[in-house]
Amino acid sequence: MKILSITLMLLVYTIANSQPLIQIEGNDVYDWGKVDPKGKPLTAQVKIFNKGNETLKITEVKPGCGCTTAPLDKNDIEPNGFATLSITLNVSNDGPVHKSIRITSNDPKSSTKSLGLKADIVRPIGLSKKFLNFGDLILNKETKSSVIIKNNTNKDILIKEIINDPKELELNIKKNSVIKAQKELILEIKYTPKNSNNLSGKILIKTDNKEMESFEISIFGKFPQEKK
């Protein structure tokens, strides 16, 4: 009878303490460090471990933005097993990037975990902005904006050609301008609308840098709608 009681107590204790335990590789953070994507998305594979003694069930994997995808190869993870997240992150701007992925499971102590994604995007030629919005336009009134162009290399970069569309855009930088090594150049753009058409265009700059022979800056602006 005593043995049966001890057995039942051990069984109850085992059941009470049987639970899944989620653990994300890298202490909940994946850091690409300084990287040049070369026009491609950043990719990584991160393991999701089950350190518990019951099956871990992943019920949702939700990236924080549309620029990130993270399919999981399986949703049920056996004790001491793991599943793999295949992460793809599309980046457009230069500089530090911080994103996250929310992972929901049946871990009773941590039903929601967040995997942080970090990167420092450093291309040969960095831009403070890739999309310029001139805002509300006024007929025959000049509006202007600017972009900082940084040479992140240790060699001077020559601007071989500049193509602006529409041609009415006025730029302070001309063909054969040089961006000194590890220096910045400020590109100023002016536009004076001569008709009431909204502005949608681009500036294409070609360089002698073999790793980044050209780059674009998109231009936008619109006329405010008349109140009825």
Protein backbone atom coordinates (compact mmCIF):
# COMPACT_ATOMS: atom_id res chain seq x y z
CA MET A 1 0.00 0.00 0.00
CA LYS A 2 2.87 2.32 0.90
CA ILE A 3 4.63 1.50 -2.40
CA LEU A 4 1.40 2.22 -4.32
CA SER A 5 1.04 5.59 -2.59
CA ILE A 6 4.62 6.54 -3.43
CA THR A 7 4.12 5.45 -7.04
CA LEU A 8 0.95 7.55 -7.32
CA MET A 9 2.71 10.56 -5.81
CA LEU A 10 5.58 10.21 -8.28
CA LEU A 11 3.10 9.89 -11.14
CA VAL A 12 1.20 12.99 -10.04
CA TYR A 13 4.50 14.90 -9.65
CA THR A 14 5.68 13.80 -13.10
CA ILE A 15 2.41 14.85 -14.75
CA ALA A 16 2.37 18.16 -12.92
CA ASN A 17 5.91 18.92 -13.99
CA SER A 18 5.61 17.68 -17.57
CA GLN A 19 5.59 20.68 -19.86
CA PRO A 20 7.20 22.05 -23.00
CA LEU A 21 9.93 24.65 -22.74
CA ILE A 22 10.75 26.92 -25.70
CA GLN A 23 14.26 28.22 -26.32
CA ILE A 24 15.39 30.27 -29.32
CA GLU A 25 18.91 29.94 -30.68
CA GLY A 26 21.09 33.01 -30.08
CA ASN A 27 19.34 34.22 -26.90
CA ASP A 28 16.32 35.54 -28.82
CA VAL A 29 18.39 37.74 -31.17
CA TYR A 30 19.84 37.18 -34.64
CA ASP A 31 22.40 39.79 -35.70
CA TRP A 32 23.83 39.91 -39.23
CA GLY A 33 26.29 42.59 -38.12
CA LYS A 34 27.68 44.95 -40.77
CA VAL A 35 26.62 43.67 -44.15
CA ASP A 36 26.20 44.73 -47.78
CA PRO A 37 23.14 42.87 -49.16
CA LYS A 38 24.25 43.57 -52.77
CA GLY A 39 20.63 44.01 -53.82
CA LYS A 40 19.48 40.73 -52.27
CA PRO A 41 17.41 39.96 -49.15
CA LEU A 42 19.19 38.96 -45.94
CA THR A 43 18.65 35.31 -45.03
CA ALA A 44 19.24 33.20 -41.93
CA GLN A 45 18.18 29.93 -40.31
CA VAL A 46 17.39 30.00 -36.61
CA LYS A 47 16.58 26.93 -34.50
CA ILE A 48 13.64 26.79 -32.08
CA PHE A 49 14.42 24.23 -29.34
CA ASN A 50 12.13 22.32 -27.01
CA LYS A 51 14.01 21.92 -23.72
CA GLY A 52 10.97 20.50 -21.93
CA ASN A 53 9.63 16.98 -21.53
CA GLU A 54 6.37 17.40 -23.44
CA THR A 55 5.73 18.24 -27.11
CA LEU A 56 6.11 21.94 -27.89
CA LYS A 57 3.40 23.17 -30.24
CA ILE A 58 4.10 26.37 -32.20
CA THR A 59 0.73 27.95 -32.92
CA GLU A 60 1.85 31.15 -34.67
CA VAL A 61 4.94 32.74 -36.21
CA LYS A 62 4.24 36.39 -37.01
CA PRO A 63 6.89 38.75 -38.48
CA GLY A 64 6.60 42.36 -37.35
CA CYS A 65 6.45 43.75 -40.89
CA GLY A 66 5.80 42.75 -44.48
CA CYS A 67 9.52 42.96 -45.27
CA THR A 68 10.14 39.75 -43.28
CA THR A 69 9.12 36.14 -43.94
CA ALA A 70 9.88 33.26 -41.57
CA PRO A 71 8.34 29.89 -42.48
CA LEU A 72 8.84 27.13 -39.89
CA ASP A 73 9.68 23.60 -41.09
CA LYS A 74 7.43 21.99 -38.43
CA ASN A 75 5.04 23.15 -35.72
CA ASP A 76 5.26 20.23 -33.29
CA ILE A 77 8.66 19.83 -31.62
CA GLU A 78 9.41 16.74 -29.59
CA PRO A 79 11.30 16.97 -26.26
CA ASN A 80 14.98 17.79 -26.87
CA GLY A 81 14.18 18.41 -30.53
CA PHE A 82 14.12 21.54 -32.64
CA ALA A 83 12.44 23.21 -35.62
CA THR A 84 14.07 25.66 -38.04
CA LEU A 85 12.91 29.16 -39.02
CA SER A 86 14.03 30.15 -42.53
CA ILE A 87 14.18 33.93 -42.28
CA THR A 88 14.20 36.34 -45.22
CA LEU A 89 14.50 40.08 -44.59
CA ASN A 90 14.22 42.64 -47.40
CA VAL A 91 16.12 45.84 -46.65
CA SER A 92 16.00 49.11 -48.57
CA ASN A 93 17.49 51.81 -46.35
CA ASP A 94 21.08 52.05 -45.18
CA GLY A 95 22.19 52.03 -41.55
CA PRO A 96 20.86 50.09 -38.53
CA VAL A 97 17.87 47.79 -39.03
CA HIS A 98 15.76 46.43 -36.16
CA LYS A 99 12.90 43.98 -36.82
CA SER A 100 11.19 41.23 -34.84
CA ILE A 101 9.28 37.97 -35.15
CA ARG A 102 6.65 36.94 -32.59
CA ILE A 103 6.46 33.22 -31.80
CA THR A 104 3.44 31.81 -29.93
CA SER A 105 3.47 28.32 -28.40
CA ASN A 106 1.98 26.12 -25.68
CA ASP A 107 4.90 26.78 -23.29
CA PRO A 108 2.94 27.62 -20.10
CA LYS A 109 5.67 29.89 -18.73
CA SER A 110 6.45 31.75 -21.95
CA SER A 111 3.59 31.43 -24.41
CA THR A 112 4.85 34.37 -26.50
CA LYS A 113 8.49 34.93 -27.41
CA SER A 114 10.04 37.61 -29.60
CA LEU A 115 13.02 36.96 -31.87
CA GLY A 116 14.86 40.20 -32.59
CA LEU A 117 16.52 40.75 -35.97
CA LYS A 118 19.41 43.22 -36.30
CA ALA A 119 21.68 44.38 -39.10
CA ASP A 120 23.83 47.36 -40.00
CA ILE A 121 23.48 47.92 -43.75
CA VAL A 122 26.68 49.38 -45.18
CA ARG A 123 26.81 49.59 -48.96
CA PRO A 124 29.77 51.07 -50.90
CA ILE A 125 27.61 54.14 -51.47
CA GLY A 126 25.13 55.00 -48.74
CA LEU A 127 22.06 57.21 -49.10
CA SER A 128 20.28 59.05 -46.31
CA LYS A 129 17.05 58.64 -48.33
CA LYS A 130 16.04 56.58 -51.34
CA PHE A 131 12.58 58.10 -51.65
CA LEU A 132 12.11 61.88 -51.71
CA ASN A 133 8.63 63.27 -51.13
CA PHE A 134 8.34 66.95 -52.04
CA GLY A 135 4.94 67.03 -50.37
CA ASP A 136 2.27 69.45 -51.61
CA LEU A 137 3.27 71.26 -54.81
CA ILE A 138 2.30 74.82 -55.77
CA LEU A 139 2.21 75.90 -59.38
CA ASN A 140 5.28 78.00 -60.36
CA LYS A 141 6.69 77.85 -56.83
CA GLU A 142 10.10 76.29 -56.24
CA THR A 143 10.36 73.42 -53.78
CA LYS A 144 13.52 71.60 -52.79
CA SER A 145 14.92 68.67 -50.90
CA SER A 146 18.26 66.96 -50.38
CA VAL A 147 19.95 63.59 -50.00
CA ILE A 148 23.26 62.81 -48.32
CA ILE A 149 25.44 60.51 -50.43
CA LYS A 150 28.24 58.82 -48.47
CA ASN A 151 31.27 57.06 -49.89
CA ASN A 152 31.86 54.17 -47.48
CA THR A 153 34.95 52.95 -49.33
CA ASN A 154 38.61 53.94 -49.03
CA LYS A 155 38.76 55.11 -52.64
CA ASP A 156 37.34 58.21 -54.36
CA ILE A 157 34.22 57.53 -56.44
CA LEU A 158 33.59 59.32 -59.73
CA ILE A 159 30.05 60.20 -60.84
CA LYS A 160 30.10 59.22 -64.51
CA GLU A 161 26.55 60.20 -65.45
CA ILE A 162 23.37 61.67 -63.95
CA ILE A 163 19.96 61.11 -65.55
CA ASN A 164 17.04 62.97 -64.02
CA ASP A 165 13.42 62.38 -64.90
CA PRO A 166 11.70 64.75 -65.32
CA LYS A 167 14.37 66.92 -66.85
CA GLU A 168 12.97 69.96 -64.99
CA LEU A 169 14.63 68.73 -61.80
CA GLU A 170 17.59 70.97 -60.94
CA LEU A 171 20.59 69.33 -59.26
CA ASN A 172 23.63 70.89 -57.64
CA ILE A 173 25.82 67.91 -58.56
CA LYS A 174 27.03 67.43 -62.12
CA LYS A 175 28.70 64.74 -64.19
CA ASN A 176 32.37 64.09 -63.22
CA SER A 177 31.79 65.15 -59.61
CA VAL A 178 33.86 63.15 -57.12
CA ILE A 179 32.78 61.70 -53.79
CA LYS A 180 35.92 61.56 -51.67
CA ALA A 181 36.80 58.36 -49.79
CA GLN A 182 34.92 58.08 -46.48
CA LYS A 183 33.27 61.46 -47.15
CA GLU A 184 29.76 62.74 -47.82
CA LEU A 185 28.29 64.74 -50.67
CA ILE A 186 24.97 66.57 -50.36
CA LEU A 187 22.74 66.25 -53.41
CA GLU A 188 20.25 69.15 -53.53
CA ILE A 189 17.21 68.86 -55.78
CA LYS A 190 14.97 71.75 -56.79
CA TYR A 191 11.71 71.56 -58.70
CA THR A 192 9.37 74.26 -59.97
CA PRO A 193 6.12 72.82 -61.40
CA LYS A 194 4.97 74.52 -64.60
CA ASN A 195 1.71 72.57 -64.80
CA SER A 196 -0.64 70.89 -62.35
CA ASN A 197 0.57 67.34 -62.96
CA ASN A 198 1.71 65.40 -59.92
CA LEU A 199 5.43 64.69 -59.70
CA SER A 200 6.68 61.12 -60.07
CA GLY A 201 10.21 60.54 -61.26
CA LYS A 202 13.70 59.42 -60.42
CA ILE A 203 17.35 60.37 -60.44
CA LEU A 204 19.73 57.73 -61.79
CA ILE A 205 23.38 58.18 -60.89
CA LYS A 206 26.12 56.09 -62.53
CA THR A 207 29.54 55.71 -60.91
CA ASP A 208 32.92 54.09 -61.51
CA ASN A 209 32.55 51.87 -58.43
CA LYS A 210 32.50 48.25 -59.65
CA GLU A 211 30.40 47.03 -56.72
CA MET A 212 27.75 49.73 -57.10
CA GLU A 213 27.84 51.05 -60.64
CA SER A 214 24.52 52.88 -60.31
CA PHE A 215 21.82 53.83 -57.82
CA GLU A 216 18.41 55.51 -57.98
CA ILE A 217 16.55 58.07 -55.93
CA SER A 218 12.78 58.12 -56.40
CA ILE A 219 11.00 61.50 -56.46
CA PHE A 220 7.38 62.19 -55.49
CA GLY A 221 5.13 65.22 -55.06
CA LYS A 222 1.49 66.08 -55.59
CA PHE A 223 -0.90 68.96 -55.84
CA PRO A 224 -3.40 69.12 -52.98
CA GLN A 225 -6.97 68.23 -53.88
CA GLU A 226 -9.39 71.12 -53.99
CA LYS A 227 -11.96 71.12 -51.20
CA LYS A 228 -15.51 70.69 -52.39
